[in-house]
Amino acid sequence: MQDEVLRLKRSFRRIWITFAACFALSAIAWLIIPSYRPYTEGLLLGEIGGAYVIFSMIRQGHLQDEATGNALMLSGMLGMFTRFIVLAVVMVIAIKLPPVNPYTTLAGYLLGLVIMVSGMAIHERTKPKTTGKIREESR
């Protein structure tokens, strides 16, 4: 069980590093290409919201507090609600600030969600397989 938790934490670290690399590339593009600044500013703003998506999904995974049942359901609902609030706030900021492109803001926000979901899919797909002998011993 402890090995699974360590493996999951490594996957979370890999997700954060991937997201940080995307954020760094957007920041570099913002610095290098001034004609695309409205797009990259929107992307950076959306990626800030996407960082909250990753943070809230990892935090509400309840790795070691053993939450189950109604508490886990309530936590998931609260997390979804806060992610919608962050999306609304980020989009309002993007609409109110004139140079920021709201479409790239939405793309940056979704980038956080896509990285989180694909990172967890990779984590699940690379899970070590158990042999039939181990399954029989556990019965």
C-alpha atoms as a PDB file:
ATOM      1  CA  MET A   1       0.000   0.000   0.000  1.00  0.00           C
ATOM      2  CA  GLN A   2       2.795   2.424   0.851  1.00  0.00           C
ATOM      3  CA  ASP A   3       4.407   1.727  -2.525  1.00  0.00           C
ATOM      4  CA  GLU A   4       1.161   2.754  -4.255  1.00  0.00           C
ATOM      5  CA  VAL A   5       1.079   6.030  -2.325  1.00  0.00           C
ATOM      6  CA  LEU A   6       4.693   6.775  -3.253  1.00  0.00           C
ATOM      7  CA  ARG A   7       3.978   5.928  -6.882  1.00  0.00           C
ATOM      8  CA  LEU A   8       0.953   8.239  -6.846  1.00  0.00           C
ATOM      9  CA  LYS A   9       2.993  11.063  -5.309  1.00  0.00           C
ATOM     10  CA  ARG A  10       5.590  10.641  -8.064  1.00  0.00           C
ATOM     11  CA  SER A  11       2.825  10.913 -10.633  1.00  0.00           C
ATOM     12  CA  PHE A  12       1.574  14.094  -8.965  1.00  0.00           C
ATOM     13  CA  ARG A  13       5.093  15.517  -9.062  1.00  0.00           C
ATOM     14  CA  ARG A  14       5.340  14.629 -12.752  1.00  0.00           C
ATOM     15  CA  ILE A  15       2.030  16.407 -13.405  1.00  0.00           C
ATOM     16  CA  TRP A  16       3.249  19.558 -11.625  1.00  0.00           C
ATOM     17  CA  ILE A  17       6.531  19.531 -13.550  1.00  0.00           C
ATOM     18  CA  THR A  18       4.702  19.141 -16.864  1.00  0.00           C
ATOM     19  CA  PHE A  19       2.377  22.006 -16.008  1.00  0.00           C
ATOM     20  CA  ALA A  20       5.279  24.197 -14.866  1.00  0.00           C
ATOM     21  CA  ALA A  21       7.057  23.531 -18.167  1.00  0.00           C
ATOM     22  CA  CYS A  22       3.944  24.598 -20.109  1.00  0.00           C
ATOM     23  CA  PHE A  23       3.682  27.734 -17.976  1.00  0.00           C
ATOM     24  CA  ALA A  24       7.360  28.510 -18.540  1.00  0.00           C
ATOM     25  CA  LEU A  25       6.972  28.077 -22.306  1.00  0.00           C
ATOM     26  CA  SER A  26       4.017  30.470 -22.276  1.00  0.00           C
ATOM     27  CA  ALA A  27       6.013  33.005 -20.269  1.00  0.00           C
ATOM     28  CA  ILE A  28       8.944  32.714 -22.671  1.00  0.00           C
ATOM     29  CA  ALA A  29       6.579  33.212 -25.622  1.00  0.00           C
ATOM     30  CA  TRP A  30       5.168  36.285 -23.840  1.00  0.00           C
ATOM     31  CA  LEU A  31       8.690  37.708 -23.551  1.00  0.00           C
ATOM     32  CA  ILE A  32       9.954  36.825 -27.017  1.00  0.00           C
ATOM     33  CA  ILE A  33       6.939  37.498 -29.263  1.00  0.00           C
ATOM     34  CA  PRO A  34       5.427  40.894 -28.358  1.00  0.00           C
ATOM     35  CA  SER A  35       2.893  40.811 -31.206  1.00  0.00           C
ATOM     36  CA  TYR A  36       1.165  37.802 -29.609  1.00  0.00           C
ATOM     37  CA  ARG A  37       0.998  39.294 -26.108  1.00  0.00           C
ATOM     38  CA  PRO A  38      -2.823  39.410 -25.916  1.00  0.00           C
ATOM     39  CA  TYR A  39      -2.898  35.680 -26.639  1.00  0.00           C
ATOM     40  CA  THR A  40      -0.071  34.748 -24.307  1.00  0.00           C
ATOM     41  CA  GLU A  41      -1.456  36.955 -21.524  1.00  0.00           C
ATOM     42  CA  GLY A  42      -4.748  35.107 -21.826  1.00  0.00           C
ATOM     43  CA  LEU A  43      -2.936  31.793 -21.828  1.00  0.00           C
ATOM     44  CA  LEU A  44      -0.952  32.724 -18.718  1.00  0.00           C
ATOM     45  CA  LEU A  45      -4.092  33.909 -16.928  1.00  0.00           C
ATOM     46  CA  GLY A  46      -5.865  30.672 -17.820  1.00  0.00           C
ATOM     47  CA  GLU A  47      -2.902  28.617 -16.697  1.00  0.00           C
ATOM     48  CA  ILE A  48      -3.103  30.260 -13.277  1.00  0.00           C
ATOM     49  CA  GLY A  49      -6.671  28.954 -13.065  1.00  0.00           C
ATOM     50  CA  GLY A  50      -5.449  25.610 -14.405  1.00  0.00           C
ATOM     51  CA  ALA A  51      -2.908  25.452 -11.594  1.00  0.00           C
ATOM     52  CA  TYR A  52      -5.796  25.706  -9.146  1.00  0.00           C
ATOM     53  CA  VAL A  53      -7.515  22.834 -10.945  1.00  0.00           C
ATOM     54  CA  ILE A  54      -4.459  20.637 -10.470  1.00  0.00           C
ATOM     55  CA  PHE A  55      -3.991  21.768  -6.860  1.00  0.00           C
ATOM     56  CA  SER A  56      -7.603  21.141  -5.909  1.00  0.00           C
ATOM     57  CA  MET A  57      -7.764  17.741  -7.588  1.00  0.00           C
ATOM     58  CA  ILE A  58      -4.572  16.583  -5.894  1.00  0.00           C
ATOM     59  CA  ARG A  59      -5.537  18.057  -2.527  1.00  0.00           C
ATOM     60  CA  GLN A  60      -8.970  16.504  -2.604  1.00  0.00           C
ATOM     61  CA  GLY A  61      -7.605  13.089  -3.465  1.00  0.00           C
ATOM     62  CA  HIS A  62      -7.445  12.331   0.257  1.00  0.00           C
ATOM     63  CA  LEU A  63      -4.306  10.252   0.050  1.00  0.00           C
ATOM     64  CA  GLN A  64      -3.781   9.558   3.723  1.00  0.00           C
ATOM     65  CA  ASP A  65      -6.815  10.785   5.639  1.00  0.00           C
ATOM     66  CA  GLU A  66      -8.935   7.797   4.612  1.00  0.00           C
ATOM     67  CA  ALA A  67     -12.075   9.814   3.876  1.00  0.00           C
ATOM     68  CA  THR A  68     -14.928   7.664   2.586  1.00  0.00           C
ATOM     69  CA  GLY A  69     -18.646   7.809   1.974  1.00  0.00           C
ATOM     70  CA  ASN A  70     -20.472  11.089   2.434  1.00  0.00           C
ATOM     71  CA  ALA A  71     -17.341  13.014   3.442  1.00  0.00           C
ATOM     72  CA  LEU A  72     -15.597  12.048   0.216  1.00  0.00           C
ATOM     73  CA  MET A  73     -18.678  12.866  -1.858  1.00  0.00           C
ATOM     74  CA  LEU A  74     -19.037  16.276  -0.200  1.00  0.00           C
ATOM     75  CA  SER A  75     -15.358  17.003  -0.749  1.00  0.00           C
ATOM     76  CA  GLY A  76     -15.650  16.174  -4.443  1.00  0.00           C
ATOM     77  CA  MET A  77     -18.727  18.356  -4.839  1.00  0.00           C
ATOM     78  CA  LEU A  78     -17.066  21.242  -3.018  1.00  0.00           C
ATOM     79  CA  GLY A  79     -13.982  20.870  -5.202  1.00  0.00           C
ATOM     80  CA  MET A  80     -16.049  20.956  -8.390  1.00  0.00           C
ATOM     81  CA  PHE A  81     -17.907  24.021  -7.146  1.00  0.00           C
ATOM     82  CA  THR A  82     -14.674  25.885  -6.348  1.00  0.00           C
ATOM     83  CA  ARG A  83     -13.210  24.962  -9.741  1.00  0.00           C
ATOM     84  CA  PHE A  84     -16.278  26.462 -11.448  1.00  0.00           C
ATOM     85  CA  ILE A  85     -15.912  29.610  -9.352  1.00  0.00           C
ATOM     86  CA  VAL A  86     -12.247  29.918 -10.343  1.00  0.00           C
ATOM     87  CA  LEU A  87     -13.205  29.412 -13.999  1.00  0.00           C
ATOM     88  CA  ALA A  88     -15.818  32.176 -13.740  1.00  0.00           C
ATOM     89  CA  VAL A  89     -13.377  34.552 -12.028  1.00  0.00           C
ATOM     90  CA  VAL A  90     -10.643  33.900 -14.576  1.00  0.00           C
ATOM     91  CA  MET A  91     -13.034  34.415 -17.486  1.00  0.00           C
ATOM     92  CA  VAL A  92     -14.447  37.650 -16.010  1.00  0.00           C
ATOM     93  CA  ILE A  93     -10.916  38.977 -15.563  1.00  0.00           C
ATOM     94  CA  ALA A  94     -10.107  38.016 -19.147  1.00  0.00           C
ATOM     95  CA  ILE A  95     -13.202  39.771 -20.467  1.00  0.00           C
ATOM     96  CA  LYS A  96     -12.672  42.913 -18.378  1.00  0.00           C
ATOM     97  CA  LEU A  97      -8.993  43.344 -19.274  1.00  0.00           C
ATOM     98  CA  PRO A  98      -8.862  44.725 -22.828  1.00  0.00           C
ATOM     99  CA  PRO A  99      -5.618  43.196 -24.130  1.00  0.00           C
ATOM    100  CA  VAL A 100      -6.351  39.671 -22.879  1.00  0.00           C
ATOM    101  CA  ASN A 101      -7.902  37.142 -25.246  1.00  0.00           C
ATOM    102  CA  PRO A 102     -10.660  35.192 -23.414  1.00  0.00           C
ATOM    103  CA  TYR A 103     -10.430  32.200 -25.749  1.00  0.00           C
ATOM    104  CA  THR A 104      -6.780  31.571 -24.918  1.00  0.00           C
ATOM    105  CA  THR A 105      -7.671  32.091 -21.254  1.00  0.00           C
ATOM    106  CA  LEU A 106     -10.152  29.247 -21.531  1.00  0.00           C
ATOM    107  CA  ALA A 107      -7.537  27.152 -23.354  1.00  0.00           C
ATOM    108  CA  GLY A 108      -5.023  27.784 -20.553  1.00  0.00           C
ATOM    109  CA  TYR A 109      -7.569  26.772 -17.925  1.00  0.00           C
ATOM    110  CA  LEU A 110      -8.415  23.608 -19.811  1.00  0.00           C
ATOM    111  CA  LEU A 111      -4.711  22.860 -20.181  1.00  0.00           C
ATOM    112  CA  GLY A 112      -4.529  22.322 -16.423  1.00  0.00           C
ATOM    113  CA  LEU A 113      -7.461  19.930 -16.553  1.00  0.00           C
ATOM    114  CA  VAL A 114      -6.062  18.047 -19.551  1.00  0.00           C
ATOM    115  CA  ILE A 115      -2.631  17.651 -17.942  1.00  0.00           C
ATOM    116  CA  MET A 116      -4.207  16.382 -14.718  1.00  0.00           C
ATOM    117  CA  VAL A 117      -6.507  13.878 -16.423  1.00  0.00           C
ATOM    118  CA  SER A 118      -3.848  12.618 -18.841  1.00  0.00           C
ATOM    119  CA  GLY A 119      -1.320  12.341 -16.001  1.00  0.00           C
ATOM    120  CA  MET A 120      -3.735  10.212 -13.999  1.00  0.00           C
ATOM    121  CA  ALA A 121      -4.527   8.102 -17.071  1.00  0.00           C
ATOM    122  CA  ILE A 122      -0.805   7.464 -17.572  1.00  0.00           C
ATOM    123  CA  HIS A 123      -0.497   6.622 -13.879  1.00  0.00           C
ATOM    124  CA  GLU A 124      -3.290   4.074 -14.145  1.00  0.00           C
ATOM    125  CA  ARG A 125      -2.075   2.587 -17.423  1.00  0.00           C
ATOM    126  CA  THR A 126       1.450   2.015 -16.092  1.00  0.00           C
ATOM    127  CA  LYS A 127       0.230   0.267 -12.945  1.00  0.00           C
ATOM    128  CA  PRO A 128       2.215  -2.891 -12.263  1.00  0.00           C
ATOM    129  CA  LYS A 129       0.276  -6.038 -13.086  1.00  0.00           C
ATOM    130  CA  THR A 130      -0.311  -8.676 -10.442  1.00  0.00           C
ATOM    131  CA  THR A 131       0.157 -12.303 -11.338  1.00  0.00           C
ATOM    132  CA  GLY A 132      -2.411 -15.007 -10.808  1.00  0.00           C
ATOM    133  CA  LYS A 133      -0.269 -16.584  -8.112  1.00  0.00           C
ATOM    134  CA  ILE A 134      -0.393 -13.449  -5.967  1.00  0.00           C
ATOM    135  CA  ARG A 135      -4.152 -13.209  -6.431  1.00  0.00           C
ATOM    136  CA  GLU A 136      -4.585 -16.806  -5.285  1.00  0.00           C
ATOM    137  CA  GLU A 137      -2.436 -16.219  -2.200  1.00  0.00           C
ATOM    138  CA  SER A 138      -4.547 -13.241  -1.173  1.00  0.00           C
ATOM    139  CA  ARG A 139      -7.752 -15.340  -1.087  1.00  0.00           C
END
